[in-house]
Amino acid sequence: MPGQEQADCGHKGCEERLRGELAALRETLTGNPPAAYRAPAGEADRARHRWLTGHQAALPVAQLLTAALHALAAAPEEAAGRLITWAVALYDVDSVLSLYSGSCPPALYGSLVRPPAMAAHPALSGEWARDHAPVPQALRAAQDRHRAAPARDQLTRAVKDNLRVRMAVARRLVPEGAASLLQHTGRCPGHEPTEAEQDLYDVHFQVQRRPVCRSVCRAQLVGLLGRCVADIGAYGLGPVPDGAPERFGREALARLVAVAVCEGPPAFASQIPQPRAGRARIRP
């Protein structure tokens, strides 16, 4: 059941899959990514690849972020600083993934990326993702618990920068005055997405959900971020849109790799709930 903690299954195949993804990431960092990590050379195919891969990678990142924020809300003051640092790293990776997903030229977005989303549902939105939905409430709980934490300003900055990135990407991709898929969800603000809408989001982004063990969950994260790293290393991230912090362009690869190789700082990793049943499984 979703919400029930999922331990390591102990199957050698799952552990080998994780080791294989980590090895592939290491090869990518030497400039020799495996074939499965390489992005399409054509601009149009790469635009589709980035839109799909970036959104898929954001799902396990959101799962980790929710878990980190819940851990922060329950943590004593002395543990807050390290937990905040991890949450900030995850927010920043989500910001990089937003830039990556929406890095195609506006003309390609309008002709290739947006029409399938509109065909799926005119109001298809990132708010429909099951994995993103718990983040705002978890953030409020964490902020309420640690109002005076010295590192709290870092978290506030990361949250604001994440919103700046999303708005900047939307402004760049959508012509002035057009209704952005990121901004119009077809409901009043504050209303949760329906189960049918969440299912539609999964179908559009090729996500299957079933219980997976911790090793498989992490292997998926490493593999997805590794594909982003290989793509950016070969073709660049592209210009950072006006209004988004420039640091995400300069530090994109470093931020992706840091999260890919680490489940969480060792000092508090045990406090963070581990991958649970019902996690997303991304189609290869």
Protein backbone atom coordinates (compact mmCIF):
# COMPACT_ATOMS: atom_id res chain seq x y z
CA MET A 1 0.00 0.00 0.00
CA PRO A 2 1.24 3.55 -0.65
CA GLY A 3 2.76 5.01 2.46
CA GLN A 4 4.02 1.70 3.81
CA GLU A 5 7.79 1.66 4.17
CA GLN A 6 9.57 -0.61 1.69
CA ALA A 7 12.84 -2.21 2.79
CA ASP A 8 15.57 -3.59 0.57
CA CYS A 9 14.33 -6.78 -1.06
CA GLY A 10 17.76 -8.41 -0.96
CA HIS A 11 17.53 -9.67 -4.53
CA LYS A 12 20.89 -9.63 -6.26
CA GLY A 13 19.31 -8.45 -9.48
CA CYS A 14 18.07 -5.24 -7.89
CA GLU A 15 21.41 -4.48 -6.29
CA GLU A 16 23.20 -5.26 -9.54
CA ARG A 17 20.91 -2.87 -11.37
CA LEU A 18 21.86 -0.08 -8.98
CA ARG A 19 25.56 -0.85 -9.31
CA GLY A 20 25.17 -0.86 -13.08
CA GLU A 21 23.55 2.58 -13.12
CA LEU A 22 26.24 3.99 -10.85
CA ALA A 23 28.92 2.52 -13.13
CA ALA A 24 27.19 4.05 -16.16
CA LEU A 25 27.14 7.42 -14.42
CA ARG A 26 30.87 7.16 -13.72
CA GLU A 27 31.50 6.39 -17.40
CA THR A 28 29.38 9.39 -18.34
CA LEU A 29 31.47 11.64 -16.12
CA THR A 30 34.61 10.53 -17.98
CA GLY A 31 33.05 11.69 -21.24
CA ASN A 32 32.09 8.22 -22.47
CA PRO A 33 28.40 7.67 -21.65
CA PRO A 34 26.86 4.29 -22.51
CA ALA A 35 24.56 4.19 -25.50
CA ALA A 36 21.46 4.05 -23.30
CA TYR A 37 22.40 7.41 -21.73
CA ARG A 38 23.00 9.29 -24.96
CA ALA A 39 20.43 11.85 -26.06
CA PRO A 40 19.18 12.07 -29.66
CA ALA A 41 21.35 14.20 -31.91
CA GLY A 42 18.46 15.84 -33.75
CA GLU A 43 17.07 18.98 -32.16
CA ALA A 44 13.43 17.92 -32.46
CA ASP A 45 14.00 14.44 -31.03
CA ARG A 46 16.14 15.90 -28.27
CA ALA A 47 13.38 18.36 -27.35
CA ARG A 48 10.97 15.47 -26.84
CA HIS A 49 13.64 13.51 -24.96
CA ARG A 50 14.33 16.36 -22.57
CA TRP A 51 10.66 17.05 -21.91
CA LEU A 52 9.98 13.42 -21.06
CA THR A 53 13.21 12.57 -19.21
CA GLY A 54 13.25 15.78 -17.18
CA HIS A 55 9.69 15.28 -15.98
CA GLN A 56 10.34 11.62 -15.18
CA ALA A 57 13.47 12.47 -13.19
CA ALA A 58 11.57 15.08 -11.19
CA LEU A 59 9.25 12.39 -9.75
CA PRO A 60 11.78 10.51 -7.57
CA VAL A 61 13.34 13.86 -6.66
CA ALA A 62 9.94 15.00 -5.39
CA GLN A 63 9.59 11.76 -3.42
CA LEU A 64 12.94 12.36 -1.73
CA LEU A 65 12.07 16.01 -1.10
CA THR A 66 8.78 15.14 0.58
CA ALA A 67 10.55 12.59 2.77
CA ALA A 68 13.30 15.07 3.68
CA LEU A 69 10.79 17.77 4.61
CA HIS A 70 8.79 15.34 6.76
CA ALA A 71 12.01 14.33 8.49
CA LEU A 72 12.84 17.99 9.03
CA ALA A 73 9.42 18.64 10.55
CA ALA A 74 10.04 15.85 13.06
CA ALA A 75 13.72 16.58 13.74
CA PRO A 76 15.19 18.35 16.77
CA GLU A 77 16.79 21.73 16.27
CA GLU A 78 20.33 20.36 16.31
CA ALA A 79 19.59 18.18 13.26
CA ALA A 80 17.79 20.88 11.29
CA GLY A 81 20.83 22.35 9.53
CA ARG A 82 21.88 19.14 7.79
CA LEU A 83 18.32 18.26 6.83
CA ILE A 84 17.78 21.73 5.40
CA THR A 85 20.98 21.39 3.36
CA TRP A 86 19.66 18.15 1.83
CA ALA A 87 16.23 19.65 1.12
CA VAL A 88 17.90 22.64 -0.54
CA ALA A 89 19.95 20.30 -2.75
CA LEU A 90 16.75 18.56 -3.86
CA TYR A 91 14.93 21.82 -4.56
CA ASP A 92 17.90 22.99 -6.62
CA VAL A 93 17.97 19.76 -8.63
CA ASP A 94 14.27 20.18 -9.32
CA SER A 95 15.05 23.69 -10.58
CA VAL A 96 17.74 22.32 -12.90
CA LEU A 97 15.32 19.68 -14.19
CA SER A 98 12.74 22.37 -14.92
CA LEU A 99 15.31 24.25 -17.00
CA TYR A 100 16.34 21.03 -18.72
CA SER A 101 12.78 19.96 -19.52
CA GLY A 102 11.91 23.33 -20.99
CA SER A 103 15.19 24.10 -22.74
CA CYS A 104 13.93 23.58 -26.30
CA PRO A 105 13.28 26.57 -28.58
CA PRO A 106 9.78 28.01 -28.11
CA ALA A 107 8.89 27.13 -31.70
CA LEU A 108 9.65 23.45 -31.11
CA TYR A 109 7.74 23.51 -27.85
CA GLY A 110 4.72 24.91 -29.62
CA SER A 111 4.85 22.51 -32.55
CA LEU A 112 6.14 19.26 -30.99
CA VAL A 113 5.88 19.24 -27.20
CA ARG A 114 2.70 21.09 -26.33
CA PRO A 115 0.25 19.55 -28.84
CA PRO A 116 0.42 16.01 -27.34
CA ALA A 117 -0.10 17.47 -23.86
CA MET A 118 -3.06 19.50 -25.09
CA ALA A 119 -4.45 16.39 -26.77
CA ALA A 120 -4.20 14.48 -23.50
CA HIS A 121 -6.02 17.29 -21.63
CA PRO A 122 -6.11 21.05 -22.29
CA ALA A 123 -5.30 21.73 -18.63
CA LEU A 124 -2.61 19.06 -18.10
CA SER A 125 -0.36 20.40 -15.35
CA GLY A 126 2.61 19.45 -13.25
CA GLU A 127 0.32 19.87 -10.24
CA TRP A 128 -1.34 16.64 -11.31
CA ALA A 129 1.71 14.53 -10.48
CA ARG A 130 1.14 12.39 -7.39
CA ASP A 131 4.73 12.91 -6.32
CA HIS A 132 4.59 16.71 -6.34
CA ALA A 133 1.25 17.03 -4.53
CA PRO A 134 2.55 16.38 -0.95
CA VAL A 135 5.50 18.78 -1.18
CA PRO A 136 3.78 22.09 -0.24
CA GLN A 137 2.19 20.68 2.90
CA ALA A 138 5.44 19.00 3.95
CA LEU A 139 7.27 22.29 3.40
CA ARG A 140 4.82 24.22 5.58
CA ALA A 141 5.22 21.68 8.38
CA ALA A 142 9.02 21.88 8.19
CA GLN A 143 9.04 25.68 8.18
CA ASP A 144 6.62 25.87 11.10
CA ARG A 145 8.78 23.47 13.12
CA HIS A 146 12.04 25.37 12.57
CA ARG A 147 11.16 29.06 12.38
CA ALA A 148 14.42 30.15 14.00
CA ALA A 149 16.85 27.65 12.46
CA PRO A 150 20.00 29.43 11.21
CA ALA A 151 19.83 27.58 7.88
CA ARG A 152 16.12 28.26 7.31
CA ASP A 153 16.90 31.19 5.00
CA GLN A 154 18.69 28.77 2.65
CA LEU A 155 15.52 26.73 2.33
CA THR A 156 13.40 29.82 1.75
CA ARG A 157 15.77 30.95 -0.99
CA ALA A 158 15.71 27.54 -2.68
CA VAL A 159 11.90 27.48 -2.67
CA LYS A 160 11.68 30.99 -4.12
CA ASP A 161 14.33 30.25 -6.74
CA ASN A 162 12.45 27.10 -7.74
CA LEU A 163 9.32 29.16 -8.36
CA ARG A 164 11.34 31.76 -10.28
CA VAL A 165 12.70 29.04 -12.55
CA ARG A 166 9.28 27.57 -13.25
CA MET A 167 7.78 30.95 -14.08
CA ALA A 168 10.78 31.91 -16.23
CA VAL A 169 10.54 28.68 -18.23
CA ALA A 170 6.80 29.16 -18.73
CA ARG A 171 7.28 32.75 -19.92
CA ARG A 172 9.98 31.66 -22.36
CA LEU A 173 8.04 28.78 -23.89
CA VAL A 174 4.54 30.25 -24.02
CA PRO A 175 3.78 33.31 -26.17
CA GLU A 176 2.72 36.44 -24.33
CA GLY A 177 -0.89 36.13 -23.24
CA ALA A 178 -1.19 32.39 -23.94
CA ALA A 179 -2.44 30.02 -21.24
CA SER A 180 0.49 27.99 -19.95
CA LEU A 181 0.10 24.34 -19.09
CA LEU A 182 2.11 25.10 -15.97
CA GLN A 183 -0.26 27.78 -14.73
CA HIS A 184 -3.80 26.70 -15.60
CA THR A 185 -5.01 23.47 -14.03
CA GLY A 186 -8.71 23.76 -14.75
CA ARG A 187 -9.72 24.17 -11.10
CA CYS A 188 -9.77 26.70 -8.30
CA PRO A 189 -6.44 27.21 -6.50
CA GLY A 190 -5.95 24.89 -3.54
CA HIS A 191 -8.07 22.03 -4.91
CA GLU A 192 -6.27 18.71 -5.14
CA PRO A 193 -6.07 16.92 -8.50
CA THR A 194 -8.47 14.05 -9.00
CA GLU A 195 -7.27 10.48 -9.26
CA ALA A 196 -8.24 10.48 -12.93
CA GLU A 197 -6.05 13.54 -13.52
CA GLN A 198 -3.14 11.92 -11.71
CA ASP A 199 -3.57 8.80 -13.83
CA LEU A 200 -3.61 10.91 -16.98
CA TYR A 201 -0.36 12.59 -15.95
CA ASP A 202 1.28 9.19 -15.48
CA VAL A 203 0.10 7.99 -18.88
CA HIS A 204 1.34 11.13 -20.64
CA PHE A 205 4.80 10.90 -19.07
CA GLN A 206 5.01 7.09 -19.40
CA VAL A 207 5.02 6.33 -15.68
CA GLN A 208 3.95 2.99 -14.25
CA ARG A 209 3.37 2.61 -10.52
CA ARG A 210 4.00 -0.52 -8.52
CA PRO A 211 5.85 -1.41 -5.32
CA VAL A 212 9.61 -1.34 -5.82
CA CYS A 213 12.47 -1.94 -3.44
CA ARG A 214 14.89 0.72 -2.29
CA SER A 215 17.63 -0.36 -4.70
CA VAL A 216 15.35 -0.19 -7.75
CA CYS A 217 14.00 3.19 -6.70
CA ARG A 218 17.50 4.60 -6.38
CA ALA A 219 18.64 2.92 -9.61
CA GLN A 220 15.86 4.69 -11.47
CA LEU A 221 16.90 8.04 -9.99
CA VAL A 222 20.57 7.49 -10.88
CA GLY A 223 19.68 6.37 -14.40
CA LEU A 224 17.38 9.31 -15.12
CA LEU A 225 19.76 11.91 -13.72
CA GLY A 226 22.62 10.20 -15.55
CA ARG A 227 20.78 10.63 -18.85
CA CYS A 228 20.33 14.31 -18.10
CA VAL A 229 24.03 14.62 -17.28
CA ALA A 230 25.04 12.89 -20.53
CA ASP A 231 22.75 15.14 -22.57
CA ILE A 232 23.91 18.38 -20.96
CA GLY A 233 27.53 17.28 -21.22
CA ALA A 234 27.14 16.68 -24.96
CA TYR A 235 24.83 19.50 -25.99
CA GLY A 236 24.76 21.98 -23.12
CA LEU A 237 21.80 23.03 -21.02
CA GLY A 238 20.97 26.01 -23.17
CA PRO A 239 20.54 29.62 -22.10
CA VAL A 240 18.97 30.26 -18.72
CA PRO A 241 15.73 32.18 -19.35
CA ASP A 242 15.29 35.72 -18.10
CA GLY A 243 14.20 35.78 -14.48
CA ALA A 244 15.80 32.47 -13.49
CA PRO A 245 18.94 32.46 -11.32
CA GLU A 246 22.04 32.12 -13.50
CA ARG A 247 23.69 29.82 -10.96
CA PHE A 248 21.56 26.90 -12.12
CA GLY A 249 23.08 27.13 -15.57
CA ARG A 250 26.64 27.23 -14.23
CA GLU A 251 26.13 24.50 -11.65
CA ALA A 252 23.66 22.20 -13.43
CA LEU A 253 25.93 19.18 -13.83
CA ALA A 254 27.39 19.39 -10.33
CA ARG A 255 23.95 19.59 -8.74
CA LEU A 256 22.57 16.65 -10.71
CA VAL A 257 25.57 14.45 -9.94
CA ALA A 258 25.61 15.30 -6.23
CA VAL A 259 22.05 14.06 -5.77
CA ALA A 260 22.50 11.07 -8.09
CA VAL A 261 25.35 9.62 -6.04
CA CYS A 262 23.91 10.33 -2.59
CA GLU A 263 20.71 9.12 -0.92
CA GLY A 264 21.21 11.80 1.70
CA PRO A 265 24.05 12.97 3.94
CA PRO A 266 25.11 10.03 6.14
CA ALA A 267 24.57 12.02 9.32
CA PHE A 268 20.82 12.02 8.87
CA ALA A 269 20.04 9.58 6.06
CA SER A 270 18.55 7.14 8.56
CA GLN A 271 15.99 9.76 9.60
CA ILE A 272 14.61 10.13 6.07
CA PRO A 273 11.82 7.67 5.21
CA GLN A 274 13.02 5.26 2.55
CA PRO A 275 11.31 4.48 -0.78
CA ARG A 276 7.86 3.04 -0.20
CA ALA A 277 5.35 0.81 -1.91
CA GLY A 278 3.55 2.54 -4.71
CA ARG A 279 6.58 4.41 -5.95
CA ALA A 280 6.70 5.37 -9.58
CA ARG A 281 8.37 2.99 -11.97
CA ILE A 282 9.56 4.72 -15.11
CA ARG A 283 9.40 2.81 -18.35
CA PRO A 284 12.89 2.26 -19.82
